[in-house]
C-alpha atoms as a PDB file:
ATOM      1  CA  MET A   1     -18.538   8.920   6.274  1.00  0.00           C
ATOM      2  CA  GLY A   2     -18.448   8.826  10.104  1.00  0.00           C
ATOM      3  CA  ASP A   3     -15.625   8.353  12.371  1.00  0.00           C
ATOM      4  CA  GLU A   4     -13.871   5.293  11.360  1.00  0.00           C
ATOM      5  CA  ILE A   5     -10.526   6.061   9.402  1.00  0.00           C
ATOM      6  CA  TYR A   6      -8.011   3.675   8.351  1.00  0.00           C
ATOM      7  CA  GLU A   7      -4.196   3.956   8.518  1.00  0.00           C
ATOM      8  CA  ILE A   8      -1.770   2.509   6.192  1.00  0.00           C
ATOM      9  CA  ASP A   9       1.279   1.099   7.807  1.00  0.00           C
ATOM     10  CA  PRO A  10       3.919   1.815   5.497  1.00  0.00           C
ATOM     11  CA  ASN A  11       6.094  -1.326   6.853  1.00  0.00           C
ATOM     12  CA  LYS A  12       3.562  -3.670   5.640  1.00  0.00           C
ATOM     13  CA  CYS A  13       2.171  -1.585   2.466  1.00  0.00           C
ATOM     14  CA  THR A  14       3.688  -3.128  -0.509  1.00  0.00           C
ATOM     15  CA  GLU A  15       1.153  -1.015  -2.771  1.00  0.00           C
ATOM     16  CA  CYS A  16      -0.274  -4.499  -3.966  1.00  0.00           C
ATOM     17  CA  VAL A  17       2.927  -5.529  -5.668  1.00  0.00           C
ATOM     18  CA  GLY A  18       2.665  -9.529  -5.487  1.00  0.00           C
ATOM     19  CA  HIS A  19      -0.976  -9.565  -5.387  1.00  0.00           C
ATOM     20  CA  TYR A  20      -2.768  -6.909  -7.994  1.00  0.00           C
ATOM     21  CA  ASP A  21      -1.401  -4.677 -10.650  1.00  0.00           C
ATOM     22  CA  GLU A  22      -3.030  -1.295  -8.946  1.00  0.00           C
ATOM     23  CA  PRO A  23      -3.045  -0.650  -4.992  1.00  0.00           C
ATOM     24  CA  GLN A  24      -6.339  -1.787  -3.982  1.00  0.00           C
ATOM     25  CA  CYS A  25      -7.053   0.903  -1.518  1.00  0.00           C
ATOM     26  CA  VAL A  26      -7.023   3.454  -4.032  1.00  0.00           C
ATOM     27  CA  GLU A  27      -9.177   1.479  -6.366  1.00  0.00           C
ATOM     28  CA  VAL A  28     -11.994   1.113  -3.801  1.00  0.00           C
ATOM     29  CA  CYS A  29     -11.694   4.215  -2.012  1.00  0.00           C
ATOM     30  CA  PRO A  30     -14.890   6.515  -2.693  1.00  0.00           C
ATOM     31  CA  VAL A  31     -12.781   9.693  -2.791  1.00  0.00           C
ATOM     32  CA  ASP A  32      -9.164  10.709  -3.963  1.00  0.00           C
ATOM     33  CA  CYS A  33      -7.852  10.696  -0.398  1.00  0.00           C
ATOM     34  CA  ILE A  34      -4.855   8.052  -0.376  1.00  0.00           C
ATOM     35  CA  PRO A  35      -1.683  10.329  -1.867  1.00  0.00           C
ATOM     36  CA  LYS A  36       1.324   8.856  -2.114  1.00  0.00           C
ATOM     37  CA  ASP A  37       3.876   9.438   0.917  1.00  0.00           C
ATOM     38  CA  PRO A  38       6.929  11.639  -0.556  1.00  0.00           C
ATOM     39  CA  ASP A  39       9.142   9.979   2.576  1.00  0.00           C
ATOM     40  CA  ASN A  40       8.419   6.451   1.735  1.00  0.00           C
ATOM     41  CA  VAL A  41       8.608   5.999  -1.883  1.00  0.00           C
ATOM     42  CA  GLU A  42       9.894   2.708  -3.024  1.00  0.00           C
ATOM     43  CA  THR A  43      10.865   1.123  -6.269  1.00  0.00           C
ATOM     44  CA  GLU A  44       8.809  -2.071  -7.718  1.00  0.00           C
ATOM     45  CA  GLU A  45      11.875  -4.276  -6.668  1.00  0.00           C
ATOM     46  CA  GLU A  46      11.798  -2.677  -3.196  1.00  0.00           C
ATOM     47  CA  LEU A  47       8.209  -3.446  -2.792  1.00  0.00           C
ATOM     48  CA  MET A  48       8.326  -7.100  -4.368  1.00  0.00           C
ATOM     49  CA  LEU A  49      11.355  -7.588  -1.640  1.00  0.00           C
ATOM     50  CA  LYS A  50       9.135  -6.306   1.025  1.00  0.00           C
ATOM     51  CA  TYR A  51       6.123  -8.447  -0.237  1.00  0.00           C
ATOM     52  CA  GLU A  52       8.557 -11.702  -0.297  1.00  0.00           C
ATOM     53  CA  HIS A  53       9.648 -10.781   3.388  1.00  0.00           C
ATOM     54  CA  LEU A  54       6.205 -10.407   4.504  1.00  0.00           C
ATOM     55  CA  MET A  55       5.236 -13.680   3.162  1.00  0.00           C
ATOM     56  CA  ALA A  56       8.193 -15.701   4.665  1.00  0.00           C
ATOM     57  CA  GLN A  57       7.000 -14.512   8.122  1.00  0.00           C
END
């Protein structure tokens, strides 16, 4: 769709845990182009802790 690309920072991504039931990037992406990163697999609990840490900053 042009030269714009978006990058997801795994240090800031909580897969929308704490905000939504589903990751919003996947929901709004018009094509199936957001794969899970096998090098950054996190549990729901780990994502919630990351969310809480980011919100405290």
